Amino acid sequence: MNISDKLKILTDAAKYDVACTSSGTDRSSKSGSIGSAVGCGICHTYAADGRCVSLLKILQTNNCIYDCKYCVNRSSNDVPRAMFTPDEVGELTINFYKRNYIEGLFLSSAVFRSPDYTMEMLYQTIFIIRMRYKFNGYIHVKAIPGADEALITKTGMLADRMSVNIEMPSGESLKLLAPEKKKEDILRPMRLLSSGITQSKNELTVFKSAPKFVPAGQATQMVIGATPDSDRQIVRLSESLYKTYNLKRVFYSAYIPVGSNKFIQTATTPLLREHRLYQADWLMRVYGFESSEIFGDADNLNLNMDPKCDWAIRNIDKFPVEINRADMETLMRVPGIGERSVYKILRTRRVARLDFDTLKKMGIVLKRAKYFITCNGKMYEGVKLDADLLSMKLSENKIDEAYEQLDMFGGKPPVLSDVSSGRLLLPTKEDMSKCITGQM
């Protein structure tokens, strides 16, 4: 099989691994090396399924010893199989970089022969790219659960970011759909990476030239919708992972059916559900919300409204907020006012009293914020603070309407439907904009 055929198979097999963040490192170029990992060094583009990708994203191999029911690369699935050698991945990466196709590499793999064998292959690949080709750009590589800790540590000294996929939102789901995988095998490398990152940071405070271990931190990914786990369970797990292992990101991958099984959901998970989980995740990481606040008494997120608006309406007694006096934490919780807008407000009100016209001139979007704030004690003209009225006005997605997903490659959009009604549930254009700007 030639390189081109392998590339087709292994890039397609890698599309279920999510890696849509910027690098998180600022390592500049150096003499004798090519590439850099500065913030602008990772170029972003959009794949056919709407996901933001910035790297050459491939699998080392899709030959797998496991038979996970939710995975397209499972051993029992009849799909074309291929494997790259470490030399082939190194040559591909450098040639793609020199042609300005990519600025970095995302390398994952199915488990071939054994976790140790696969991890050794990944290490050899990264070693060749770093040492033989002197590539100084961004590299994200997967750590294989069950692999020897020494192999993971060696790889972490060469990679910018590593991730261990937690796979399922609960131990019961993992046992049901991936019985060959053990929860402890997944958590052990996560603990190793967490402690190694902490140790590396401590060493760097003493020795500036100390080698860096996974400088961009670690991440994880879980499949949502393959099992009946609620949004509350998923977000609580993410909250625990952030606090326990100091993760940079938790990625959510909406389940797409890859076969029939009596234990697994047969319908495609709405992309809108995935999007709402990312918004809830943003509220925890950036805005300081606890998972219990986001959900209240509900088990699942409101698909008709972003979780920040939903929280505000459930806690209408905390509003309106006086824009000229509220502290930073309170302003962060106002729907429609994002982190950057909060800092603008705090800077400007030191020298002037703010009114609604001034906020507009500052670039503060008042579409949602106007319902929850006052300026100099006055509400926005025509606005009434009523929970039922706000629920209707701030509802973003009319579930009875069919929303089409933007297709940038000329193909037909995927048919993604609600399990109960069969209606399309996709993020709106405003949803996608807020995902980028963080204005919730």
Protein backbone atom coordinates (compact mmCIF):
# COMPACT_ATOMS: atom_id res chain seq x y z
CA MET A 1 0.00 0.00 0.00
CA ASN A 2 1.45 3.39 -0.97
CA ILE A 3 1.65 6.48 1.25
CA SER A 4 -1.30 8.19 -0.44
CA ASP A 5 -3.63 5.26 0.25
CA LYS A 6 -2.45 5.04 3.86
CA LEU A 7 -3.02 8.76 4.28
CA LYS A 8 -6.61 8.52 3.05
CA ILE A 9 -7.40 5.69 5.47
CA LEU A 10 -5.62 7.04 8.55
CA THR A 11 -6.70 10.68 8.25
CA ASP A 12 -10.32 9.54 7.87
CA ALA A 13 -9.95 7.20 10.87
CA ALA A 14 -8.58 10.10 12.95
CA LYS A 15 -11.54 12.42 12.42
CA TYR A 16 -13.24 11.20 15.60
CA ASP A 17 -10.35 12.51 17.72
CA VAL A 18 -11.12 16.12 18.65
CA ALA A 19 -8.28 18.66 18.72
CA CYS A 20 -9.75 22.09 18.04
CA THR A 21 -7.72 24.29 20.39
CA SER A 22 -4.73 26.51 19.83
CA SER A 23 -1.35 25.18 20.88
CA GLY A 24 -1.17 26.76 24.33
CA THR A 25 2.61 27.16 24.07
CA ASP A 26 4.80 30.02 22.90
CA ARG A 27 8.05 28.29 22.01
CA SER A 28 9.67 30.42 19.30
CA SER A 29 11.89 29.26 16.48
CA LYS A 30 15.57 28.64 17.14
CA SER A 31 18.72 28.40 15.09
CA GLY A 32 19.11 25.12 13.25
CA SER A 33 15.43 24.14 13.66
CA ILE A 34 12.32 24.61 11.57
CA GLY A 35 8.86 25.59 12.80
CA SER A 36 7.67 27.25 15.96
CA ALA A 37 4.82 26.85 18.44
CA VAL A 38 3.93 30.49 19.09
CA GLY A 39 0.25 31.33 19.31
CA CYS A 40 0.06 32.47 15.69
CA GLY A 41 2.06 29.45 14.54
CA ILE A 42 -0.98 27.15 14.58
CA CYS A 43 -3.26 27.91 11.65
CA HIS A 44 -6.95 27.05 12.07
CA THR A 45 -9.29 25.70 9.45
CA TYR A 46 -12.70 23.98 9.41
CA ALA A 47 -13.29 20.38 8.48
CA ALA A 48 -16.30 19.16 6.53
CA ASP A 49 -18.15 18.32 9.76
CA GLY A 50 -17.73 21.89 11.06
CA ARG A 51 -14.97 21.13 13.55
CA CYS A 52 -12.04 23.49 13.87
CA VAL A 53 -8.75 21.78 13.07
CA SER A 54 -5.26 23.21 12.90
CA LEU A 55 -2.89 20.26 12.57
CA LEU A 56 -2.03 17.29 10.42
CA LYS A 57 -4.30 14.87 12.27
CA ILE A 58 -3.56 11.20 11.64
CA LEU A 59 -3.46 7.81 13.30
CA GLN A 60 -0.24 5.81 13.40
CA THR A 61 -2.47 2.80 12.70
CA ASN A 62 -6.14 1.83 12.81
CA ASN A 63 -5.32 -1.83 13.51
CA CYS A 64 -6.76 -2.35 16.99
CA ILE A 65 -6.77 -5.23 19.43
CA TYR A 66 -9.83 -3.85 21.24
CA ASP A 67 -13.47 -4.23 20.21
CA CYS A 68 -15.07 -1.09 21.70
CA LYS A 69 -18.70 -1.00 20.53
CA TYR A 70 -18.73 2.76 19.84
CA CYS A 71 -15.49 2.90 17.82
CA VAL A 72 -15.21 2.75 14.04
CA ASN A 73 -11.72 1.22 14.38
CA ARG A 74 -12.82 -1.67 16.61
CA SER A 75 -11.33 -5.05 15.76
CA SER A 76 -14.64 -6.56 14.60
CA ASN A 77 -15.45 -3.75 12.16
CA ASP A 78 -14.88 -4.45 8.48
CA VAL A 79 -12.88 -1.37 7.43
CA PRO A 80 -9.64 -0.96 5.43
CA ARG A 81 -6.60 -1.18 7.72
CA ALA A 82 -3.27 0.60 7.39
CA MET A 83 -0.18 1.50 9.39
CA PHE A 84 2.43 4.22 9.10
CA THR A 85 6.01 3.57 10.08
CA PRO A 86 7.67 6.23 12.26
CA ASP A 87 9.82 7.27 9.26
CA GLU A 88 6.75 7.75 7.06
CA VAL A 89 4.99 10.00 9.59
CA GLY A 90 8.16 12.04 10.04
CA GLU A 91 8.59 12.54 6.32
CA LEU A 92 4.91 13.39 5.82
CA THR A 93 4.92 15.96 8.62
CA ILE A 94 8.00 17.78 7.37
CA ASN A 95 6.94 17.73 3.72
CA PHE A 96 3.48 19.04 4.61
CA TYR A 97 5.04 21.72 6.79
CA LYS A 98 7.44 22.85 4.06
CA ARG A 99 4.51 23.16 1.65
CA ASN A 100 2.73 25.35 4.22
CA TYR A 101 -0.15 22.86 4.51
CA ILE A 102 0.21 22.50 8.28
CA GLU A 103 1.90 24.09 11.27
CA GLY A 104 1.89 21.14 13.66
CA LEU A 105 0.98 17.50 14.23
CA PHE A 106 -1.77 15.67 16.09
CA LEU A 107 -0.79 12.01 16.37
CA SER A 108 -3.00 9.28 17.79
CA SER A 109 -3.26 5.56 17.26
CA ALA A 110 -5.36 2.47 17.73
CA VAL A 111 -3.76 -0.07 20.06
CA PHE A 112 -1.71 -2.44 17.89
CA ARG A 113 -0.31 -5.67 19.44
CA SER A 114 -0.08 -4.14 22.92
CA PRO A 115 -0.19 -0.73 24.67
CA ASP A 116 3.61 -0.81 25.12
CA TYR A 117 4.27 -1.62 21.46
CA THR A 118 1.96 1.20 20.32
CA MET A 119 3.43 3.74 22.75
CA GLU A 120 6.95 2.82 21.63
CA MET A 121 5.90 3.43 18.01
CA LEU A 122 4.48 6.86 18.88
CA TYR A 123 7.65 7.74 20.80
CA GLN A 124 9.90 6.72 17.91
CA THR A 125 7.81 8.85 15.54
CA ILE A 126 8.04 11.99 17.69
CA PHE A 127 11.74 11.36 18.32
CA ILE A 128 12.44 11.26 14.57
CA ILE A 129 10.47 14.46 13.94
CA ARG A 130 12.21 16.35 16.75
CA MET A 131 15.75 15.02 16.43
CA ARG A 132 16.28 14.03 12.81
CA TYR A 133 14.26 16.84 11.22
CA LYS A 134 14.81 19.40 14.00
CA PHE A 135 11.10 20.26 13.98
CA ASN A 136 10.35 22.82 16.68
CA GLY A 137 6.62 23.21 16.03
CA TYR A 138 3.61 22.07 18.01
CA ILE A 139 3.01 18.33 18.55
CA HIS A 140 0.02 16.79 20.31
CA VAL A 141 0.26 13.04 20.91
CA LYS A 142 -2.00 10.52 22.63
CA ALA A 143 -0.80 8.56 25.65
CA ILE A 144 -1.91 4.93 25.44
CA PRO A 145 -3.65 3.62 28.60
CA GLY A 146 -1.85 0.59 30.00
CA ALA A 147 1.52 1.53 28.48
CA ASP A 148 4.71 1.57 30.55
CA GLU A 149 5.13 4.81 32.49
CA ALA A 150 8.73 5.22 31.30
CA LEU A 151 7.54 5.29 27.67
CA ILE A 152 4.88 7.89 28.43
CA THR A 153 7.42 10.03 30.31
CA LYS A 154 9.94 9.89 27.44
CA THR A 155 7.25 10.93 24.98
CA GLY A 156 6.13 13.76 27.27
CA MET A 157 9.63 15.27 27.11
CA LEU A 158 9.24 15.67 23.33
CA ALA A 159 5.54 16.56 22.97
CA ASP A 160 3.81 19.88 23.65
CA ARG A 161 0.53 18.35 24.73
CA MET A 162 -0.54 14.82 25.59
CA SER A 163 -4.00 13.43 26.12
CA VAL A 164 -5.51 10.25 27.52
CA ASN A 165 -9.03 9.55 26.29
CA ILE A 166 -11.37 8.77 29.19
CA GLU A 167 -13.76 7.43 26.52
CA MET A 168 -17.06 7.14 28.44
CA PRO A 169 -18.76 9.43 31.01
CA SER A 170 -19.05 6.67 33.62
CA GLY A 171 -17.32 3.48 34.70
CA GLU A 172 -20.52 1.51 34.04
CA SER A 173 -20.67 2.75 30.44
CA LEU A 174 -17.01 1.90 29.89
CA LYS A 175 -17.52 -1.60 31.27
CA LEU A 176 -20.57 -2.10 29.06
CA LEU A 177 -19.17 -0.83 25.75
CA ALA A 178 -15.41 -1.32 26.18
CA PRO A 179 -15.01 -4.25 28.62
CA GLU A 180 -11.36 -4.77 27.60
CA LYS A 181 -10.44 -1.31 28.89
CA LYS A 182 -10.07 -0.61 32.60
CA LYS A 183 -10.85 2.70 34.25
CA GLU A 184 -7.67 2.54 36.35
CA ASP A 185 -5.55 2.02 33.22
CA ILE A 186 -6.93 5.32 31.92
CA LEU A 187 -6.57 7.29 35.15
CA ARG A 188 -3.01 6.07 35.89
CA PRO A 189 -1.35 7.89 32.94
CA MET A 190 -3.49 10.96 33.67
CA ARG A 191 -2.04 11.03 37.18
CA LEU A 192 1.45 10.49 35.76
CA LEU A 193 1.10 13.41 33.35
CA SER A 194 -0.38 15.66 36.04
CA SER A 195 2.42 15.00 38.51
CA GLY A 196 5.07 15.29 35.79
CA ILE A 197 3.74 18.67 34.64
CA THR A 198 3.71 19.96 38.23
CA GLN A 199 7.25 18.71 38.85
CA SER A 200 8.48 20.27 35.60
CA LYS A 201 7.01 23.66 36.54
CA ASN A 202 8.67 23.49 39.95
CA GLU A 203 12.04 22.65 38.38
CA LEU A 204 11.73 25.55 35.94
CA THR A 205 11.35 27.99 38.84
CA VAL A 206 14.81 26.89 40.04
CA PHE A 207 16.58 26.06 36.77
CA LYS A 208 15.52 28.08 33.74
CA SER A 209 17.17 25.59 31.38
CA ALA A 210 15.38 22.55 32.87
CA PRO A 211 13.66 20.38 30.22
CA LYS A 212 9.92 20.97 29.85
CA PHE A 213 7.46 18.13 30.30
CA VAL A 214 4.22 18.48 28.28
CA PRO A 215 4.36 22.32 28.45
CA ALA A 216 0.89 22.79 26.89
CA GLY A 217 -0.71 20.49 29.49
CA GLN A 218 -2.90 17.45 29.08
CA ALA A 219 -6.40 17.00 27.72
CA THR A 220 -8.96 14.22 27.40
CA GLN A 221 -11.97 13.30 25.31
CA MET A 222 -15.21 11.45 25.92
CA VAL A 223 -17.93 10.17 23.62
CA ILE A 224 -21.38 11.53 24.47
CA GLY A 225 -24.70 10.07 23.47
CA ALA A 226 -23.63 6.44 23.02
CA THR A 227 -25.10 5.65 26.45
CA PRO A 228 -27.93 7.25 28.46
CA ASP A 229 -25.58 9.26 30.74
CA SER A 230 -27.11 12.66 31.48
CA ASP A 231 -25.49 16.04 30.81
CA ARG A 232 -25.21 16.53 34.58
CA GLN A 233 -23.11 13.34 34.91
CA ILE A 234 -20.89 14.40 32.01
CA VAL A 235 -20.25 17.93 33.30
CA ARG A 236 -19.68 16.73 36.87
CA LEU A 237 -17.07 14.29 35.58
CA SER A 238 -15.36 17.10 33.65
CA GLU A 239 -15.39 19.29 36.75
CA SER A 240 -13.75 16.51 38.76
CA LEU A 241 -11.10 15.95 36.08
CA TYR A 242 -10.23 19.66 35.96
CA LYS A 243 -9.82 19.82 39.72
CA THR A 244 -8.04 16.48 40.21
CA TYR A 245 -5.70 16.34 37.20
CA ASN A 246 -5.49 20.04 36.29
CA LEU A 247 -6.53 19.34 32.70
CA LYS A 248 -6.38 22.06 30.06
CA ARG A 249 -9.42 20.86 28.16
CA VAL A 250 -12.06 18.17 28.12
CA PHE A 251 -13.33 17.50 24.60
CA TYR A 252 -16.79 16.12 23.86
CA SER A 253 -17.44 14.04 20.77
CA ALA A 254 -21.07 13.58 19.73
CA TYR A 255 -21.69 9.89 19.06
CA ILE A 256 -22.18 8.85 15.46
CA PRO A 257 -23.54 5.30 15.02
CA VAL A 258 -20.88 2.93 13.67
CA GLY A 259 -22.83 -0.30 13.95
CA SER A 260 -25.76 -2.00 15.64
CA ASN A 261 -25.56 -3.23 19.19
CA LYS A 262 -28.29 -3.85 21.74
CA PHE A 263 -26.39 -1.93 24.44
CA ILE A 264 -25.76 1.23 22.41
CA GLN A 265 -27.91 4.15 21.24
CA THR A 266 -28.94 3.81 17.59
CA ALA A 267 -29.61 7.49 16.85
CA THR A 268 -27.02 10.13 16.10
CA THR A 269 -26.36 12.53 18.99
CA PRO A 270 -27.43 16.10 18.11
CA LEU A 271 -24.46 18.40 17.53
CA LEU A 272 -26.40 21.02 19.48
CA ARG A 273 -26.08 18.88 22.60
CA GLU A 274 -22.31 18.70 22.10
CA HIS A 275 -22.26 22.47 21.64
CA ARG A 276 -24.21 23.09 24.87
CA LEU A 277 -21.75 20.88 26.77
CA TYR A 278 -18.86 22.97 25.45
CA GLN A 279 -20.68 26.11 26.63
CA ALA A 280 -21.21 24.62 30.09
CA ASP A 281 -17.55 23.61 30.13
CA TRP A 282 -16.60 27.21 29.26
CA LEU A 283 -18.69 28.49 32.16
CA MET A 284 -16.74 26.28 34.56
CA ARG A 285 -13.27 27.00 33.16
CA VAL A 286 -13.58 30.74 32.48
CA TYR A 287 -16.54 32.16 34.40
CA GLY A 288 -16.13 30.31 37.69
CA PHE A 289 -19.45 28.40 37.72
CA GLU A 290 -19.89 25.15 39.63
CA SER A 291 -21.63 22.29 37.84
CA SER A 292 -24.44 22.33 40.42
CA GLU A 293 -25.19 25.97 39.54
CA ILE A 294 -25.34 25.28 35.82
CA PHE A 295 -27.98 22.55 36.13
CA GLY A 296 -30.06 23.46 39.17
CA ASP A 297 -32.64 20.67 39.45
CA ALA A 298 -32.35 19.55 35.81
CA ASP A 299 -30.40 16.56 34.56
CA ASN A 300 -29.83 17.85 31.02
CA LEU A 301 -28.95 21.20 29.47
CA ASN A 302 -31.62 23.33 27.82
CA LEU A 303 -31.14 22.96 24.05
CA ASN A 304 -33.19 26.10 23.40
CA MET A 305 -30.93 28.42 25.38
CA ASP A 306 -27.27 28.77 26.26
CA PRO A 307 -26.56 27.64 29.85
CA LYS A 308 -25.59 31.12 31.06
CA CYS A 309 -28.96 32.58 30.05
CA ASP A 310 -30.71 29.55 31.48
CA TRP A 311 -28.92 30.05 34.83
CA ALA A 312 -29.74 33.77 34.87
CA ILE A 313 -33.46 33.17 34.30
CA ARG A 314 -33.55 30.53 37.04
CA ASN A 315 -31.84 33.04 39.35
CA ILE A 316 -33.75 36.12 38.28
CA ASP A 317 -33.69 37.42 41.87
CA LYS A 318 -29.97 38.19 41.46
CA PHE A 319 -30.73 40.72 38.69
CA PRO A 320 -30.67 43.46 37.51
CA VAL A 321 -26.97 44.22 38.05
CA GLU A 322 -25.80 47.84 38.24
CA ILE A 323 -23.08 48.11 35.62
CA ASN A 324 -21.28 50.96 37.42
CA ARG A 325 -20.93 49.18 40.77
CA ALA A 326 -20.95 45.39 40.29
CA ASP A 327 -17.71 43.55 40.97
CA MET A 328 -15.90 41.44 38.36
CA GLU A 329 -17.36 38.09 39.51
CA THR A 330 -20.92 39.46 39.27
CA LEU A 331 -20.36 41.00 35.83
CA MET A 332 -18.97 37.68 34.58
CA ARG A 333 -22.34 36.09 35.28
CA VAL A 334 -24.36 38.54 33.20
CA PRO A 335 -25.55 36.85 29.96
CA GLY A 336 -24.04 38.45 26.88
CA ILE A 337 -21.07 39.97 28.71
CA GLY A 338 -17.90 38.00 28.11
CA GLU A 339 -14.51 38.09 29.80
CA ARG A 340 -13.07 40.79 27.52
CA SER A 341 -16.16 42.95 27.90
CA VAL A 342 -15.90 42.74 31.69
CA TYR A 343 -12.33 44.06 31.59
CA LYS A 344 -13.41 46.89 29.26
CA ILE A 345 -16.17 47.87 31.68
CA LEU A 346 -13.88 47.78 34.72
CA ARG A 347 -11.26 49.96 32.99
CA THR A 348 -13.70 52.51 31.58
CA ARG A 349 -15.83 53.07 34.67
CA ARG A 350 -12.76 54.21 36.61
CA VAL A 351 -12.84 57.45 34.62
CA ALA A 352 -16.49 57.81 33.57
CA ARG A 353 -20.05 56.80 34.42
CA LEU A 354 -21.39 54.22 31.99
CA ASP A 355 -24.75 54.33 30.24
CA PHE A 356 -26.23 52.13 27.52
CA ASP A 357 -24.98 54.35 24.69
CA THR A 358 -21.45 54.25 26.10
CA LEU A 359 -21.60 50.46 26.36
CA LYS A 360 -22.60 50.22 22.68
CA LYS A 361 -19.72 52.50 21.67
CA MET A 362 -17.36 50.27 23.65
CA GLY A 363 -18.48 47.27 21.60
CA ILE A 364 -20.47 45.61 24.38
CA VAL A 365 -23.20 43.47 22.82
CA LEU A 366 -26.49 44.27 24.54
CA LYS A 367 -28.73 41.77 22.79
CA ARG A 368 -28.91 39.62 25.94
CA ALA A 369 -27.18 41.81 28.52
CA LYS A 370 -29.79 44.60 28.33
CA TYR A 371 -32.33 42.41 30.15
CA PHE A 372 -30.09 41.88 33.17
CA ILE A 373 -28.33 45.20 33.82
CA THR A 374 -29.05 48.77 34.86
CA CYS A 375 -27.02 51.89 34.06
CA ASN A 376 -27.19 54.58 36.74
CA GLY A 377 -30.18 52.77 38.24
CA LYS A 378 -32.21 52.66 35.01
CA MET A 379 -33.26 49.62 33.00
CA TYR A 380 -32.95 49.53 29.21
CA GLU A 381 -35.95 51.19 27.56
CA GLY A 382 -38.86 48.81 27.07
CA VAL A 383 -37.28 45.96 29.02
CA LYS A 384 -39.18 44.11 31.73
CA LEU A 385 -37.48 41.73 34.15
CA ASP A 386 -39.87 38.78 33.95
CA ALA A 387 -38.63 35.17 33.88
CA ASP A 388 -41.39 33.81 31.60
CA LEU A 389 -41.05 36.69 29.15
CA LEU A 390 -37.26 36.35 29.06
CA SER A 391 -37.54 32.60 28.44
CA MET A 392 -39.43 33.35 25.23
CA LYS A 393 -37.26 36.26 24.12
CA LEU A 394 -33.92 34.54 24.74
CA SER A 395 -34.81 31.18 23.24
CA GLU A 396 -32.28 30.75 20.42
CA ASN A 397 -33.22 27.52 18.70
CA LYS A 398 -36.79 26.83 17.72
CA ILE A 399 -36.64 23.06 17.89
CA ASP A 400 -39.59 22.76 15.51
CA GLU A 401 -37.57 24.39 12.73
CA ALA A 402 -35.00 22.54 10.63
CA TYR A 403 -31.59 24.16 10.92
CA GLU A 404 -29.10 23.40 8.17
CA GLN A 405 -25.44 23.10 8.98
CA LEU A 406 -23.03 25.26 7.02
CA ASP A 407 -21.25 23.08 4.46
CA MET A 408 -17.95 24.52 3.27
CA PHE A 409 -17.06 21.66 0.94
CA GLY A 410 -20.11 21.36 -1.31
CA GLY A 411 -21.45 18.13 0.15
CA LYS A 412 -24.78 17.46 1.81
CA PRO A 413 -24.95 18.30 5.54
CA PRO A 414 -25.24 15.33 7.89
CA VAL A 415 -28.75 14.49 9.04
CA LEU A 416 -28.60 14.90 12.80
CA SER A 417 -31.86 14.45 14.59
CA ASP A 418 -33.43 14.51 18.03
CA VAL A 419 -33.79 10.96 19.33
CA SER A 420 -37.44 11.40 20.31
CA SER A 421 -38.80 13.50 17.44
CA GLY A 422 -36.40 13.07 14.55
CA ARG A 423 -36.09 16.86 14.17
CA LEU A 424 -32.80 18.53 13.26
CA LEU A 425 -30.83 19.90 16.19
CA LEU A 426 -27.80 21.87 15.04
CA PRO A 427 -25.99 24.94 16.38
CA THR A 428 -27.20 28.20 14.84
CA LYS A 429 -24.88 30.78 13.29
CA GLU A 430 -25.08 32.74 16.57
CA ASP A 431 -24.11 29.61 18.51
CA MET A 432 -20.99 29.18 16.39
CA SER A 433 -20.07 32.84 16.81
CA LYS A 434 -20.34 32.64 20.61
CA CYS A 435 -18.24 29.46 20.60
CA ILE A 436 -15.40 31.49 19.08
CA THR A 437 -15.81 34.77 21.01
CA GLY A 438 -16.85 33.35 24.40
CA GLN A 439 -19.59 36.00 24.70
CA MET A 440 -22.21 34.13 26.73
